[in-house]
Amino acid sequence: MDLIPTLGTLVPGRALDLACGSGSHSRWLAAHGWTVTSVDLVPAWDGVVQADLKRGEFPIVPGGWDLILCRRYWQEDLQPAIARGVRPGGVVALAGKKTGRFATSLEKYRAEFGGWTELASGEDEFLVFLIARRTEELVD
């Protein structure tokens, strides 16, 4: 499941790539005009902020991002911070595994981002993804 076709339609801004892994999406975003902050527990390349998301070592600033991307990582208590971190009009792009460690589902994504405008979603036997735009104002 490739997020790139939908991400390619967005106007570049500030992007946060959580659990960025090898950084393929971070690099793609940067090459297409985005200012990207990449975060991972084990940085695989230069420029990655090393932080343990489970321990809250990277605070997600409310309304600080035009795009928050998180692939193949699910942490239920991180989802509200992701939602708050996207500015109104901004986008969340989430993709996760359906089984094993960090498993999630399209239903879980939709429950967390139900008031958002769904731009794209899908699933196959291994992966699930949701890309949605925040339409409501930030509420503390």
C-alpha atoms as a PDB file:
ATOM      1  CA  MET A   1       0.000   0.000   0.000  1.00  0.00           C
ATOM      2  CA  ASP A   2       1.591   3.191  -1.182  1.00  0.00           C
ATOM      3  CA  LEU A   3       0.787   6.523   0.456  1.00  0.00           C
ATOM      4  CA  ILE A   4       2.773   8.500  -2.141  1.00  0.00           C
ATOM      5  CA  PRO A   5       0.000   8.958  -4.757  1.00  0.00           C
ATOM      6  CA  THR A   6      -2.199  10.815  -2.249  1.00  0.00           C
ATOM      7  CA  LEU A   7       0.685  12.647  -0.553  1.00  0.00           C
ATOM      8  CA  GLY A   8       1.770  13.854  -3.985  1.00  0.00           C
ATOM      9  CA  THR A   9      -1.457  15.845  -4.297  1.00  0.00           C
ATOM     10  CA  LEU A  10      -0.828  17.874  -1.118  1.00  0.00           C
ATOM     11  CA  VAL A  11       0.679  21.350  -0.945  1.00  0.00           C
ATOM     12  CA  PRO A  12       4.057  21.048   0.823  1.00  0.00           C
ATOM     13  CA  GLY A  13       4.471  22.405   4.333  1.00  0.00           C
ATOM     14  CA  ARG A  14       5.819  21.096   7.644  1.00  0.00           C
ATOM     15  CA  ALA A  15       5.786  17.304   7.948  1.00  0.00           C
ATOM     16  CA  LEU A  16       6.465  15.003  10.880  1.00  0.00           C
ATOM     17  CA  ASP A  17       7.410  11.402  10.072  1.00  0.00           C
ATOM     18  CA  LEU A  18       7.017   9.299  13.232  1.00  0.00           C
ATOM     19  CA  ALA A  19       8.731   5.904  13.470  1.00  0.00           C
ATOM     20  CA  CYS A  20      10.341   6.805  10.143  1.00  0.00           C
ATOM     21  CA  GLY A  21      12.466   3.665   9.836  1.00  0.00           C
ATOM     22  CA  SER A  22      14.740   3.842   6.799  1.00  0.00           C
ATOM     23  CA  GLY A  23      13.307   7.249   5.925  1.00  0.00           C
ATOM     24  CA  SER A  24      11.986   6.492   2.460  1.00  0.00           C
ATOM     25  CA  HIS A  25       8.876   8.625   2.978  1.00  0.00           C
ATOM     26  CA  SER A  26      10.827  11.386   4.746  1.00  0.00           C
ATOM     27  CA  ARG A  27      13.237  11.576   1.836  1.00  0.00           C
ATOM     28  CA  TRP A  28      10.410  11.574  -0.699  1.00  0.00           C
ATOM     29  CA  LEU A  29       8.626  14.387   1.140  1.00  0.00           C
ATOM     30  CA  ALA A  30      11.822  16.463   1.388  1.00  0.00           C
ATOM     31  CA  ALA A  31      12.493  15.968  -2.323  1.00  0.00           C
ATOM     32  CA  HIS A  32       8.998  17.302  -3.025  1.00  0.00           C
ATOM     33  CA  GLY A  33       9.327  20.533  -1.057  1.00  0.00           C
ATOM     34  CA  TRP A  34       8.315  19.531   2.450  1.00  0.00           C
ATOM     35  CA  THR A  35      10.232  20.582   5.555  1.00  0.00           C
ATOM     36  CA  VAL A  36      10.482  17.230   7.330  1.00  0.00           C
ATOM     37  CA  THR A  37      11.232  16.230  10.903  1.00  0.00           C
ATOM     38  CA  SER A  38      11.903  12.486  11.125  1.00  0.00           C
ATOM     39  CA  VAL A  39      11.727  10.586  14.422  1.00  0.00           C
ATOM     40  CA  ASP A  40      12.695   7.005  15.274  1.00  0.00           C
ATOM     41  CA  LEU A  41      13.932   4.990  18.231  1.00  0.00           C
ATOM     42  CA  VAL A  42      16.902   3.758  16.199  1.00  0.00           C
ATOM     43  CA  PRO A  43      18.009   6.362  13.634  1.00  0.00           C
ATOM     44  CA  ALA A  44      18.936   4.615  10.390  1.00  0.00           C
ATOM     45  CA  TRP A  45      20.356   7.727   8.721  1.00  0.00           C
ATOM     46  CA  ASP A  46      21.631  11.225   9.510  1.00  0.00           C
ATOM     47  CA  GLY A  47      19.088  13.842  10.457  1.00  0.00           C
ATOM     48  CA  VAL A  48      16.697  11.606  12.387  1.00  0.00           C
ATOM     49  CA  VAL A  49      15.634  12.715  15.863  1.00  0.00           C
ATOM     50  CA  GLN A  50      16.235   9.775  18.196  1.00  0.00           C
ATOM     51  CA  ALA A  51      13.297   9.387  20.567  1.00  0.00           C
ATOM     52  CA  ASP A  52      11.285   6.643  22.223  1.00  0.00           C
ATOM     53  CA  LEU A  53       7.668   7.408  21.331  1.00  0.00           C
ATOM     54  CA  LYS A  54       6.389   5.001  23.996  1.00  0.00           C
ATOM     55  CA  ARG A  55       8.114   7.079  26.662  1.00  0.00           C
ATOM     56  CA  GLY A  56       6.901  10.373  25.195  1.00  0.00           C
ATOM     57  CA  GLU A  57      10.450  11.508  24.402  1.00  0.00           C
ATOM     58  CA  PHE A  58       9.256  13.481  21.368  1.00  0.00           C
ATOM     59  CA  PRO A  59       6.479  15.914  22.282  1.00  0.00           C
ATOM     60  CA  ILE A  60       4.143  16.568  19.358  1.00  0.00           C
ATOM     61  CA  VAL A  61       3.342  20.281  19.381  1.00  0.00           C
ATOM     62  CA  PRO A  62      -0.414  20.900  19.021  1.00  0.00           C
ATOM     63  CA  GLY A  63      -1.234  22.427  15.643  1.00  0.00           C
ATOM     64  CA  GLY A  64       2.432  22.338  14.651  1.00  0.00           C
ATOM     65  CA  TRP A  65       2.261  20.211  11.504  1.00  0.00           C
ATOM     66  CA  ASP A  66       0.695  20.292   8.055  1.00  0.00           C
ATOM     67  CA  LEU A  67       1.231  16.533   7.770  1.00  0.00           C
ATOM     68  CA  ILE A  68       1.918  13.803  10.287  1.00  0.00           C
ATOM     69  CA  LEU A  69       2.949  10.474   8.802  1.00  0.00           C
ATOM     70  CA  CYS A  70       3.263   7.247  10.769  1.00  0.00           C
ATOM     71  CA  ARG A  71       3.857   3.916   9.022  1.00  0.00           C
ATOM     72  CA  ARG A  72       3.945   0.390  10.430  1.00  0.00           C
ATOM     73  CA  TYR A  73       3.744   1.622  14.013  1.00  0.00           C
ATOM     74  CA  TRP A  74       0.650   1.673  16.217  1.00  0.00           C
ATOM     75  CA  GLN A  75       0.622   3.085  19.710  1.00  0.00           C
ATOM     76  CA  GLU A  76      -2.925   3.698  20.865  1.00  0.00           C
ATOM     77  CA  ASP A  77      -2.109   6.424  23.381  1.00  0.00           C
ATOM     78  CA  LEU A  78      -0.086   8.311  20.742  1.00  0.00           C
ATOM     79  CA  GLN A  79      -3.079   8.781  18.431  1.00  0.00           C
ATOM     80  CA  PRO A  80      -4.644  11.739  20.329  1.00  0.00           C
ATOM     81  CA  ALA A  81      -1.292  13.587  20.239  1.00  0.00           C
ATOM     82  CA  ILE A  82      -1.045  12.926  16.508  1.00  0.00           C
ATOM     83  CA  ALA A  83      -4.570  14.282  16.038  1.00  0.00           C
ATOM     84  CA  ARG A  84      -3.804  17.422  18.086  1.00  0.00           C
ATOM     85  CA  GLY A  85      -0.499  17.877  16.263  1.00  0.00           C
ATOM     86  CA  VAL A  86      -2.098  18.373  12.847  1.00  0.00           C
ATOM     87  CA  ARG A  87      -3.214  21.942  12.181  1.00  0.00           C
ATOM     88  CA  PRO A  88      -6.750  22.541  10.858  1.00  0.00           C
ATOM     89  CA  GLY A  89      -6.638  21.775   7.138  1.00  0.00           C
ATOM     90  CA  GLY A  90      -3.627  19.516   7.667  1.00  0.00           C
ATOM     91  CA  VAL A  91      -3.412  15.813   6.958  1.00  0.00           C
ATOM     92  CA  VAL A  92      -2.617  12.595   8.789  1.00  0.00           C
ATOM     93  CA  ALA A  93      -1.232   9.632   6.816  1.00  0.00           C
ATOM     94  CA  LEU A  94      -1.224   6.378   8.765  1.00  0.00           C
ATOM     95  CA  ALA A  95      -0.375   2.874   7.644  1.00  0.00           C
ATOM     96  CA  GLY A  96      -0.107  -0.157   9.845  1.00  0.00           C
ATOM     97  CA  LYS A  97       0.300  -3.892   9.944  1.00  0.00           C
ATOM     98  CA  LYS A  98      -2.795  -5.992  10.518  1.00  0.00           C
ATOM     99  CA  THR A  99      -1.007  -8.649  12.585  1.00  0.00           C
ATOM    100  CA  GLY A 100       1.950  -8.933  14.938  1.00  0.00           C
ATOM    101  CA  ARG A 101       3.706  -6.205  16.864  1.00  0.00           C
ATOM    102  CA  PHE A 102       2.139  -2.745  16.361  1.00  0.00           C
ATOM    103  CA  ALA A 103      -0.920  -4.285  14.660  1.00  0.00           C
ATOM    104  CA  THR A 104      -3.922  -2.053  14.002  1.00  0.00           C
ATOM    105  CA  SER A 105      -7.008  -1.892  11.803  1.00  0.00           C
ATOM    106  CA  LEU A 106      -8.855   0.515   9.579  1.00  0.00           C
ATOM    107  CA  GLU A 107     -11.620   0.569  12.198  1.00  0.00           C
ATOM    108  CA  LYS A 108      -9.160   1.799  14.855  1.00  0.00           C
ATOM    109  CA  TYR A 109      -7.861   4.532  12.538  1.00  0.00           C
ATOM    110  CA  ARG A 110     -11.379   5.633  11.661  1.00  0.00           C
ATOM    111  CA  ALA A 111     -12.379   5.666  15.345  1.00  0.00           C
ATOM    112  CA  GLU A 112      -9.443   7.956  16.187  1.00  0.00           C
ATOM    113  CA  PHE A 113      -9.923  10.265  13.177  1.00  0.00           C
ATOM    114  CA  GLY A 114     -13.662   9.891  12.614  1.00  0.00           C
ATOM    115  CA  GLY A 115     -14.445  13.601  12.378  1.00  0.00           C
ATOM    116  CA  TRP A 116     -11.831  14.118   9.679  1.00  0.00           C
ATOM    117  CA  THR A 117     -12.364  14.093   5.916  1.00  0.00           C
ATOM    118  CA  GLU A 118     -11.118  10.782   4.567  1.00  0.00           C
ATOM    119  CA  LEU A 119      -8.929  11.323   1.491  1.00  0.00           C
ATOM    120  CA  ALA A 120      -7.883   7.712   0.948  1.00  0.00           C
ATOM    121  CA  SER A 121      -8.006   4.403   2.773  1.00  0.00           C
ATOM    122  CA  GLY A 122      -7.584   0.747   2.108  1.00  0.00           C
ATOM    123  CA  GLU A 123      -6.358  -2.597   3.256  1.00  0.00           C
ATOM    124  CA  ASP A 124      -5.053  -5.870   1.985  1.00  0.00           C
ATOM    125  CA  GLU A 125      -4.222  -9.061   3.837  1.00  0.00           C
ATOM    126  CA  PHE A 126      -1.141  -7.498   5.506  1.00  0.00           C
ATOM    127  CA  LEU A 127      -1.546  -3.711   5.745  1.00  0.00           C
ATOM    128  CA  VAL A 128      -4.135  -1.025   6.357  1.00  0.00           C
ATOM    129  CA  PHE A 129      -3.925   2.720   5.704  1.00  0.00           C
ATOM    130  CA  LEU A 130      -5.854   5.945   6.234  1.00  0.00           C
ATOM    131  CA  ILE A 131      -5.135   9.428   4.924  1.00  0.00           C
ATOM    132  CA  ALA A 132      -7.458  12.094   6.327  1.00  0.00           C
ATOM    133  CA  ARG A 133      -7.710  15.897   6.487  1.00  0.00           C
ATOM    134  CA  ARG A 134      -8.466  17.718   9.722  1.00  0.00           C
ATOM    135  CA  THR A 135     -11.501  19.907   9.237  1.00  0.00           C
ATOM    136  CA  GLU A 136     -12.248  21.074  12.767  1.00  0.00           C
ATOM    137  CA  GLU A 137     -10.503  23.720  14.829  1.00  0.00           C
ATOM    138  CA  LEU A 138      -8.099  22.756  17.597  1.00  0.00           C
ATOM    139  CA  VAL A 139      -9.757  22.378  20.998  1.00  0.00           C
ATOM    140  CA  ASP A 140      -7.722  22.216  24.209  1.00  0.00           C
END
